[in-house]
Amino acid sequence: MRVFSLCVGFFFGLVQNAAAADFSNWAVLLVAGDNHAHSGAHSMVFDNARRDLAKSLAAIGFNPNNMLHFSVDQPDAQPTSPAGIANGLWDLSNRAPGGCLIYFTSHGTPEGIVTNAGQMGAPRFANIVNTACGSKPSVIVMSACFSGIFVPALAGPNRMVFTAARPDRTSFGCGESDHYTFFDTCFLQALPASGDFVGLAQTTTACVAQREKQEQVDYPSEPQLSVGPSIATSLRWR
């Protein structure tokens, strides 16, 4: 853990010294993977985050015309399915070749992330991302329980991967009365005041830890962060 912390600090220093990147030609994939609370009742918790992330990302330089939305049942998005995500990201990344930003919010299991009625494991999702984004600079955020399982499969020299939880931990905040999950809330709150994705991840992690402490969570989610050695100069917007 100490080595990992030192590495993140090193990359944070590089990001602080980097010029602002141009995100206007990046492909942005925003996925709400389910439409239920953990109780099974209908919930907009994931779609709320998807929609508001689009607005927040546009405010820091991402082009709304290069954003692709997926949802289980909302009319402003394509239906969430692995095949649809794969085809959509491939087409979008060719039209907007500057890089890839992916934000996937849903329920998770120790084997994968929920996509409507099924789930998608880390190898399958990594294959989708590798095919569409390849070695382009990419920021991938997986907001789900157990989402740390995606880090080894998605990590790469030109990628930042940020997950809501360790591979063996749940995340929180997908009840019927929640507007966003804890992680999505913290990410959205931190984004306007941040200037780069590493700093955003660090602020989000601290916010999640504080919220979980307030809620007296027995087993904190412990969000995970992987920053590749070649992506530091592509992570700053101001």
C-alpha atoms as a PDB file:
ATOM      1  CA  MET A   1       0.000   0.000   0.000  1.00  0.00           C
ATOM      2  CA  ARG A   2       2.825   2.429   0.745  1.00  0.00           C
ATOM      3  CA  VAL A   3       4.367   1.920  -2.716  1.00  0.00           C
ATOM      4  CA  PHE A   4       0.972   2.503  -4.336  1.00  0.00           C
ATOM      5  CA  SER A   5       0.525   5.730  -2.363  1.00  0.00           C
ATOM      6  CA  LEU A   6       3.955   6.977  -3.391  1.00  0.00           C
ATOM      7  CA  CYS A   7       3.181   6.222  -7.028  1.00  0.00           C
ATOM      8  CA  VAL A   8      -0.079   8.162  -6.889  1.00  0.00           C
ATOM      9  CA  GLY A   9       1.724  11.083  -5.273  1.00  0.00           C
ATOM     10  CA  PHE A  10       4.344  11.032  -8.034  1.00  0.00           C
ATOM     11  CA  PHE A  11       1.699  11.062 -10.772  1.00  0.00           C
ATOM     12  CA  PHE A  12      -0.247  13.775  -8.968  1.00  0.00           C
ATOM     13  CA  GLY A  13       2.883  15.915  -9.145  1.00  0.00           C
ATOM     14  CA  LEU A  14       3.191  15.290 -12.873  1.00  0.00           C
ATOM     15  CA  VAL A  15      -0.457  16.175 -13.402  1.00  0.00           C
ATOM     16  CA  GLN A  16      -0.058  19.396 -11.430  1.00  0.00           C
ATOM     17  CA  ASN A  17       2.744  20.455 -13.783  1.00  0.00           C
ATOM     18  CA  ALA A  18       1.003  19.380 -17.007  1.00  0.00           C
ATOM     19  CA  ALA A  19      -0.784  21.709 -19.387  1.00  0.00           C
ATOM     20  CA  ALA A  20      -4.551  21.466 -19.675  1.00  0.00           C
ATOM     21  CA  ALA A  21      -5.661  18.720 -22.056  1.00  0.00           C
ATOM     22  CA  ASP A  22      -8.185  19.141 -24.864  1.00  0.00           C
ATOM     23  CA  PHE A  23     -11.073  16.770 -24.142  1.00  0.00           C
ATOM     24  CA  SER A  24     -13.355  18.040 -26.909  1.00  0.00           C
ATOM     25  CA  ASN A  25     -12.463  15.131 -29.184  1.00  0.00           C
ATOM     26  CA  TRP A  26     -12.731  12.370 -26.568  1.00  0.00           C
ATOM     27  CA  ALA A  27     -15.383   9.643 -26.713  1.00  0.00           C
ATOM     28  CA  VAL A  28     -17.532   9.643 -23.554  1.00  0.00           C
ATOM     29  CA  LEU A  29     -19.495   6.543 -22.561  1.00  0.00           C
ATOM     30  CA  LEU A  30     -22.034   6.955 -19.733  1.00  0.00           C
ATOM     31  CA  VAL A  31     -23.778   3.782 -18.593  1.00  0.00           C
ATOM     32  CA  ALA A  32     -26.568   3.272 -16.070  1.00  0.00           C
ATOM     33  CA  GLY A  33     -26.540  -0.487 -15.766  1.00  0.00           C
ATOM     34  CA  ASP A  34     -29.721  -1.101 -13.787  1.00  0.00           C
ATOM     35  CA  ASN A  35     -32.976   0.563 -12.761  1.00  0.00           C
ATOM     36  CA  HIS A  36     -33.548  -1.023  -9.362  1.00  0.00           C
ATOM     37  CA  ALA A  37     -32.590  -0.236  -5.778  1.00  0.00           C
ATOM     38  CA  HIS A  38     -30.966  -2.984  -3.723  1.00  0.00           C
ATOM     39  CA  SER A  39     -34.472  -3.816  -2.453  1.00  0.00           C
ATOM     40  CA  GLY A  40     -35.612  -4.619  -5.984  1.00  0.00           C
ATOM     41  CA  ALA A  41     -37.905  -1.590  -6.238  1.00  0.00           C
ATOM     42  CA  HIS A  42     -37.601   0.699  -9.240  1.00  0.00           C
ATOM     43  CA  SER A  43     -34.973   3.413  -8.765  1.00  0.00           C
ATOM     44  CA  MET A  44     -33.474   6.232 -10.802  1.00  0.00           C
ATOM     45  CA  VAL A  45     -30.284   6.326  -8.733  1.00  0.00           C
ATOM     46  CA  PHE A  46     -27.977   5.272 -11.591  1.00  0.00           C
ATOM     47  CA  ASP A  47     -29.729   7.306 -14.287  1.00  0.00           C
ATOM     48  CA  ASN A  48     -29.622  10.403 -12.076  1.00  0.00           C
ATOM     49  CA  ALA A  49     -25.838  10.130 -11.971  1.00  0.00           C
ATOM     50  CA  ARG A  50     -25.578   9.405 -15.699  1.00  0.00           C
ATOM     51  CA  ARG A  51     -27.509  12.519 -16.665  1.00  0.00           C
ATOM     52  CA  ASP A  52     -25.815  14.870 -14.228  1.00  0.00           C
ATOM     53  CA  LEU A  53     -22.358  13.562 -15.099  1.00  0.00           C
ATOM     54  CA  ALA A  54     -22.989  14.523 -18.720  1.00  0.00           C
ATOM     55  CA  LYS A  55     -23.673  18.117 -17.660  1.00  0.00           C
ATOM     56  CA  SER A  56     -20.636  18.252 -15.360  1.00  0.00           C
ATOM     57  CA  LEU A  57     -18.309  16.773 -17.968  1.00  0.00           C
ATOM     58  CA  ALA A  58     -19.514  19.226 -20.589  1.00  0.00           C
ATOM     59  CA  ALA A  59     -18.669  22.040 -18.176  1.00  0.00           C
ATOM     60  CA  ILE A  60     -14.996  20.986 -18.073  1.00  0.00           C
ATOM     61  CA  GLY A  61     -14.543  20.634 -21.839  1.00  0.00           C
ATOM     62  CA  PHE A  62     -16.046  17.349 -23.029  1.00  0.00           C
ATOM     63  CA  ASN A  63     -18.244  17.666 -26.114  1.00  0.00           C
ATOM     64  CA  PRO A  64     -21.897  16.622 -25.575  1.00  0.00           C
ATOM     65  CA  ASN A  65     -22.000  15.514 -29.211  1.00  0.00           C
ATOM     66  CA  ASN A  66     -19.375  12.891 -28.377  1.00  0.00           C
ATOM     67  CA  MET A  67     -21.306  11.449 -25.417  1.00  0.00           C
ATOM     68  CA  LEU A  68     -23.099   8.119 -25.675  1.00  0.00           C
ATOM     69  CA  HIS A  69     -25.716   7.217 -23.028  1.00  0.00           C
ATOM     70  CA  PHE A  70     -27.008   3.801 -21.998  1.00  0.00           C
ATOM     71  CA  SER A  71     -29.947   3.083 -19.689  1.00  0.00           C
ATOM     72  CA  VAL A  72     -32.299   0.227 -18.942  1.00  0.00           C
ATOM     73  CA  ASP A  73     -35.555   2.100 -19.527  1.00  0.00           C
ATOM     74  CA  GLN A  74     -34.993   5.814 -20.126  1.00  0.00           C
ATOM     75  CA  PRO A  75     -35.873   7.366 -23.513  1.00  0.00           C
ATOM     76  CA  ASP A  76     -32.825   9.645 -23.616  1.00  0.00           C
ATOM     77  CA  ALA A  77     -30.411   6.698 -23.871  1.00  0.00           C
ATOM     78  CA  GLN A  78     -29.786   3.468 -25.735  1.00  0.00           C
ATOM     79  CA  PRO A  79     -30.763   0.195 -24.014  1.00  0.00           C
ATOM     80  CA  THR A  80     -28.015  -1.117 -21.756  1.00  0.00           C
ATOM     81  CA  SER A  81     -26.526  -4.341 -23.086  1.00  0.00           C
ATOM     82  CA  PRO A  82     -22.959  -5.614 -23.574  1.00  0.00           C
ATOM     83  CA  ALA A  83     -23.412  -5.824 -27.355  1.00  0.00           C
ATOM     84  CA  GLY A  84     -24.866  -2.327 -27.565  1.00  0.00           C
ATOM     85  CA  ILE A  85     -22.064  -0.903 -25.423  1.00  0.00           C
ATOM     86  CA  ALA A  86     -19.419  -2.648 -27.522  1.00  0.00           C
ATOM     87  CA  ASN A  87     -20.818  -1.450 -30.848  1.00  0.00           C
ATOM     88  CA  GLY A  88     -21.567   2.037 -29.586  1.00  0.00           C
ATOM     89  CA  LEU A  89     -18.150   2.613 -28.050  1.00  0.00           C
ATOM     90  CA  TRP A  90     -16.416   1.313 -31.177  1.00  0.00           C
ATOM     91  CA  ASP A  91     -18.311   3.704 -33.425  1.00  0.00           C
ATOM     92  CA  LEU A  92     -17.936   6.656 -31.064  1.00  0.00           C
ATOM     93  CA  SER A  93     -14.207   6.158 -30.498  1.00  0.00           C
ATOM     94  CA  ASN A  94     -13.633   6.237 -34.239  1.00  0.00           C
ATOM     95  CA  ARG A  95     -15.632   9.440 -34.579  1.00  0.00           C
ATOM     96  CA  ALA A  96     -13.969  11.041 -31.524  1.00  0.00           C
ATOM     97  CA  PRO A  97     -10.435   9.553 -31.480  1.00  0.00           C
ATOM     98  CA  GLY A  98      -8.784  11.800 -28.886  1.00  0.00           C
ATOM     99  CA  GLY A  99      -9.307   9.454 -25.959  1.00  0.00           C
ATOM    100  CA  CYS A 100     -11.953   7.576 -23.973  1.00  0.00           C
ATOM    101  CA  LEU A 101     -13.822   8.477 -20.820  1.00  0.00           C
ATOM    102  CA  ILE A 102     -16.067   5.746 -19.454  1.00  0.00           C
ATOM    103  CA  TYR A 103     -18.330   6.023 -16.406  1.00  0.00           C
ATOM    104  CA  PHE A 104     -20.316   2.913 -15.559  1.00  0.00           C
ATOM    105  CA  THR A 105     -22.655   3.065 -12.553  1.00  0.00           C
ATOM    106  CA  SER A 106     -24.680   0.041 -11.486  1.00  0.00           C
ATOM    107  CA  HIS A 107     -24.942  -2.793  -9.028  1.00  0.00           C
ATOM    108  CA  GLY A 108     -21.971  -5.138  -8.839  1.00  0.00           C
ATOM    109  CA  THR A 109     -21.161  -8.691  -7.816  1.00  0.00           C
ATOM    110  CA  PRO A 110     -17.851 -10.431  -7.112  1.00  0.00           C
ATOM    111  CA  GLU A 111     -17.981 -11.600 -10.746  1.00  0.00           C
ATOM    112  CA  GLY A 112     -18.905  -8.418 -12.595  1.00  0.00           C
ATOM    113  CA  ILE A 113     -21.173  -5.410 -13.056  1.00  0.00           C
ATOM    114  CA  VAL A 114     -24.912  -5.563 -13.689  1.00  0.00           C
ATOM    115  CA  THR A 115     -26.177  -4.694 -17.175  1.00  0.00           C
ATOM    116  CA  ASN A 116     -29.975  -4.813 -17.146  1.00  0.00           C
ATOM    117  CA  ALA A 117     -30.991  -8.421 -16.462  1.00  0.00           C
ATOM    118  CA  GLY A 118     -27.489  -9.938 -16.578  1.00  0.00           C
ATOM    119  CA  GLN A 119     -23.943  -9.010 -15.684  1.00  0.00           C
ATOM    120  CA  MET A 120     -20.672  -8.360 -17.481  1.00  0.00           C
ATOM    121  CA  GLY A 121     -17.408  -9.701 -16.128  1.00  0.00           C
ATOM    122  CA  ALA A 122     -14.076  -7.912 -16.159  1.00  0.00           C
ATOM    123  CA  PRO A 123     -12.559  -9.882 -19.085  1.00  0.00           C
ATOM    124  CA  ARG A 124     -15.509  -9.163 -21.366  1.00  0.00           C
ATOM    125  CA  PHE A 125     -15.634  -5.474 -20.514  1.00  0.00           C
ATOM    126  CA  ALA A 126     -11.854  -5.161 -20.878  1.00  0.00           C
ATOM    127  CA  ASN A 127     -12.124  -6.691 -24.344  1.00  0.00           C
ATOM    128  CA  ILE A 128     -14.753  -4.083 -25.297  1.00  0.00           C
ATOM    129  CA  VAL A 129     -12.558  -1.241 -24.016  1.00  0.00           C
ATOM    130  CA  ASN A 130      -9.361  -2.624 -25.558  1.00  0.00           C
ATOM    131  CA  THR A 131     -11.027  -3.046 -28.949  1.00  0.00           C
ATOM    132  CA  ALA A 132     -12.505   0.459 -29.025  1.00  0.00           C
ATOM    133  CA  CYS A 133      -9.935   2.512 -27.124  1.00  0.00           C
ATOM    134  CA  GLY A 134      -6.693   0.555 -27.524  1.00  0.00           C
ATOM    135  CA  SER A 135      -3.723   2.627 -26.402  1.00  0.00           C
ATOM    136  CA  LYS A 136      -5.578   5.964 -26.462  1.00  0.00           C
ATOM    137  CA  PRO A 137      -5.511   7.914 -23.199  1.00  0.00           C
ATOM    138  CA  SER A 138      -8.481   6.660 -21.217  1.00  0.00           C
ATOM    139  CA  VAL A 139     -10.181   7.389 -17.898  1.00  0.00           C
ATOM    140  CA  ILE A 140     -12.410   4.545 -16.730  1.00  0.00           C
ATOM    141  CA  VAL A 141     -14.628   4.842 -13.662  1.00  0.00           C
ATOM    142  CA  MET A 142     -16.506   1.784 -12.408  1.00  0.00           C
ATOM    143  CA  SER A 143     -19.071   2.699  -9.754  1.00  0.00           C
ATOM    144  CA  ALA A 144     -20.417  -0.524  -8.248  1.00  0.00           C
ATOM    145  CA  CYS A 145     -19.985  -2.989  -5.419  1.00  0.00           C
ATOM    146  CA  PHE A 146     -16.867  -5.158  -5.816  1.00  0.00           C
ATOM    147  CA  SER A 147     -15.762  -3.001  -8.773  1.00  0.00           C
ATOM    148  CA  GLY A 148     -12.095  -3.331  -7.822  1.00  0.00           C
ATOM    149  CA  ILE A 149     -12.174  -6.605  -9.761  1.00  0.00           C
ATOM    150  CA  PHE A 150     -11.982  -4.488 -12.915  1.00  0.00           C
ATOM    151  CA  VAL A 151      -8.644  -2.827 -12.103  1.00  0.00           C
ATOM    152  CA  PRO A 152      -6.268  -5.624 -13.227  1.00  0.00           C
ATOM    153  CA  ALA A 153      -8.169  -6.195 -16.473  1.00  0.00           C
ATOM    154  CA  LEU A 154      -8.501  -2.517 -17.420  1.00  0.00           C
ATOM    155  CA  ALA A 155      -5.237  -1.015 -16.154  1.00  0.00           C
ATOM    156  CA  GLY A 156      -2.625   0.043 -18.693  1.00  0.00           C
ATOM    157  CA  PRO A 157       0.187   2.531 -19.333  1.00  0.00           C
ATOM    158  CA  ASN A 158      -2.149   5.097 -20.848  1.00  0.00           C
ATOM    159  CA  ARG A 159      -5.123   4.554 -18.555  1.00  0.00           C
ATOM    160  CA  MET A 160      -6.490   5.749 -15.256  1.00  0.00           C
ATOM    161  CA  VAL A 161      -8.911   3.305 -13.630  1.00  0.00           C
ATOM    162  CA  PHE A 162     -10.945   4.377 -10.609  1.00  0.00           C
ATOM    163  CA  THR A 163     -13.401   2.052  -8.863  1.00  0.00           C
ATOM    164  CA  ALA A 164     -15.963   2.584  -6.109  1.00  0.00           C
ATOM    165  CA  ALA A 165     -14.824  -0.371  -4.022  1.00  0.00           C
ATOM    166  CA  ARG A 166     -12.210  -3.023  -3.387  1.00  0.00           C
ATOM    167  CA  PRO A 167     -12.689  -6.363  -5.150  1.00  0.00           C
ATOM    168  CA  ASP A 168     -14.052  -7.835  -1.918  1.00  0.00           C
ATOM    169  CA  ARG A 169     -16.137  -4.913  -0.636  1.00  0.00           C
ATOM    170  CA  THR A 170     -19.541  -3.442  -1.342  1.00  0.00           C
ATOM    171  CA  SER A 171     -20.232   0.226  -2.023  1.00  0.00           C
ATOM    172  CA  PHE A 172     -23.269   2.053  -0.662  1.00  0.00           C
ATOM    173  CA  GLY A 173     -26.177   4.338  -1.414  1.00  0.00           C
ATOM    174  CA  CYS A 174     -28.430   2.522  -3.884  1.00  0.00           C
ATOM    175  CA  GLY A 175     -31.562   2.506  -1.750  1.00  0.00           C
ATOM    176  CA  GLU A 176     -34.993   3.583  -2.935  1.00  0.00           C
ATOM    177  CA  SER A 177     -34.671   7.005  -1.298  1.00  0.00           C
ATOM    178  CA  ASP A 178     -31.151   7.754  -2.602  1.00  0.00           C
ATOM    179  CA  HIS A 179     -30.689  10.247  -5.425  1.00  0.00           C
ATOM    180  CA  TYR A 180     -27.139   9.014  -6.154  1.00  0.00           C
ATOM    181  CA  THR A 181     -24.916   6.330  -4.669  1.00  0.00           C
ATOM    182  CA  PHE A 182     -22.366   7.524  -2.085  1.00  0.00           C
ATOM    183  CA  PHE A 183     -19.562   7.245  -4.647  1.00  0.00           C
ATOM    184  CA  ASP A 184     -21.455   9.028  -7.421  1.00  0.00           C
ATOM    185  CA  THR A 185     -22.465  11.781  -4.991  1.00  0.00           C
ATOM    186  CA  CYS A 186     -18.858  12.367  -3.972  1.00  0.00           C
ATOM    187  CA  PHE A 187     -17.587  12.262  -7.566  1.00  0.00           C
ATOM    188  CA  LEU A 188     -20.160  14.799  -8.723  1.00  0.00           C
ATOM    189  CA  GLN A 189     -19.531  17.065  -5.738  1.00  0.00           C
ATOM    190  CA  ALA A 190     -15.757  16.969  -6.219  1.00  0.00           C
ATOM    191  CA  LEU A 191     -15.693  17.483  -9.982  1.00  0.00           C
ATOM    192  CA  PRO A 192     -16.443  21.253 -10.213  1.00  0.00           C
ATOM    193  CA  ALA A 193     -13.709  22.142  -7.706  1.00  0.00           C
ATOM    194  CA  SER A 194     -11.095  19.786  -9.184  1.00  0.00           C
ATOM    195  CA  GLY A 195      -8.635  20.474 -11.972  1.00  0.00           C
ATOM    196  CA  ASP A 196      -7.519  16.973 -12.905  1.00  0.00           C
ATOM    197  CA  PHE A 197      -8.704  13.388 -12.638  1.00  0.00           C
ATOM    198  CA  VAL A 198      -6.149  12.188 -10.085  1.00  0.00           C
ATOM    199  CA  GLY A 199      -7.052  15.008  -7.712  1.00  0.00           C
ATOM    200  CA  LEU A 200     -10.721  14.309  -8.374  1.00  0.00           C
ATOM    201  CA  ALA A 201     -10.211  10.649  -7.444  1.00  0.00           C
ATOM    202  CA  GLN A 202      -8.395  11.540  -4.236  1.00  0.00           C
ATOM    203  CA  THR A 203     -11.097  14.009  -3.179  1.00  0.00           C
ATOM    204  CA  THR A 204     -13.830  11.498  -4.043  1.00  0.00           C
ATOM    205  CA  THR A 205     -12.123   8.783  -1.999  1.00  0.00           C
ATOM    206  CA  ALA A 206     -11.836  11.041   1.039  1.00  0.00           C
ATOM    207  CA  CYS A 207     -15.490  12.076   0.686  1.00  0.00           C
ATOM    208  CA  VAL A 208     -16.649   8.447   0.476  1.00  0.00           C
ATOM    209  CA  ALA A 209     -14.644   7.533   3.573  1.00  0.00           C
ATOM    210  CA  GLN A 210     -16.176  10.418   5.518  1.00  0.00           C
ATOM    211  CA  ARG A 211     -19.722   9.539   4.424  1.00  0.00           C
ATOM    212  CA  GLU A 212     -19.258   5.882   5.321  1.00  0.00           C
ATOM    213  CA  LYS A 213     -17.876   6.871   8.728  1.00  0.00           C
ATOM    214  CA  GLN A 214     -20.938   9.039   9.345  1.00  0.00           C
ATOM    215  CA  GLU A 215     -23.166   6.112   8.389  1.00  0.00           C
ATOM    216  CA  GLN A 216     -21.129   3.795  10.661  1.00  0.00           C
ATOM    217  CA  VAL A 217     -20.371   1.336   7.885  1.00  0.00           C
ATOM    218  CA  ASP A 218     -18.669  -1.785   9.257  1.00  0.00           C
ATOM    219  CA  TYR A 219     -16.620  -2.550   6.145  1.00  0.00           C
ATOM    220  CA  PRO A 220     -15.652   0.601   4.197  1.00  0.00           C
ATOM    221  CA  SER A 221     -15.701   0.295   0.418  1.00  0.00           C
ATOM    222  CA  GLU A 222     -12.127   1.617  -0.069  1.00  0.00           C
ATOM    223  CA  PRO A 223     -12.198   2.932  -3.670  1.00  0.00           C
ATOM    224  CA  GLN A 224      -9.258   1.827  -5.820  1.00  0.00           C
ATOM    225  CA  LEU A 225      -7.118   3.930  -8.161  1.00  0.00           C
ATOM    226  CA  SER A 226      -4.660   2.865 -10.864  1.00  0.00           C
ATOM    227  CA  VAL A 227      -2.746   5.482 -12.880  1.00  0.00           C
ATOM    228  CA  GLY A 228      -0.634   4.337 -15.825  1.00  0.00           C
ATOM    229  CA  PRO A 229       2.827   5.905 -16.315  1.00  0.00           C
ATOM    230  CA  SER A 230       1.981   7.415 -19.714  1.00  0.00           C
ATOM    231  CA  ILE A 231      -1.291   9.174 -18.979  1.00  0.00           C
ATOM    232  CA  ALA A 232      -0.340  11.889 -16.471  1.00  0.00           C
ATOM    233  CA  THR A 233      -0.169  14.682 -19.042  1.00  0.00           C
ATOM    234  CA  SER A 234      -3.666  13.824 -20.360  1.00  0.00           C
ATOM    235  CA  LEU A 235      -5.556  14.163 -17.073  1.00  0.00           C
ATOM    236  CA  ARG A 236      -5.715  17.904 -16.414  1.00  0.00           C
ATOM    237  CA  TRP A 237      -8.420  20.329 -17.558  1.00  0.00           C
ATOM    238  CA  ARG A 238      -7.200  23.438 -15.751  1.00  0.00           C
END
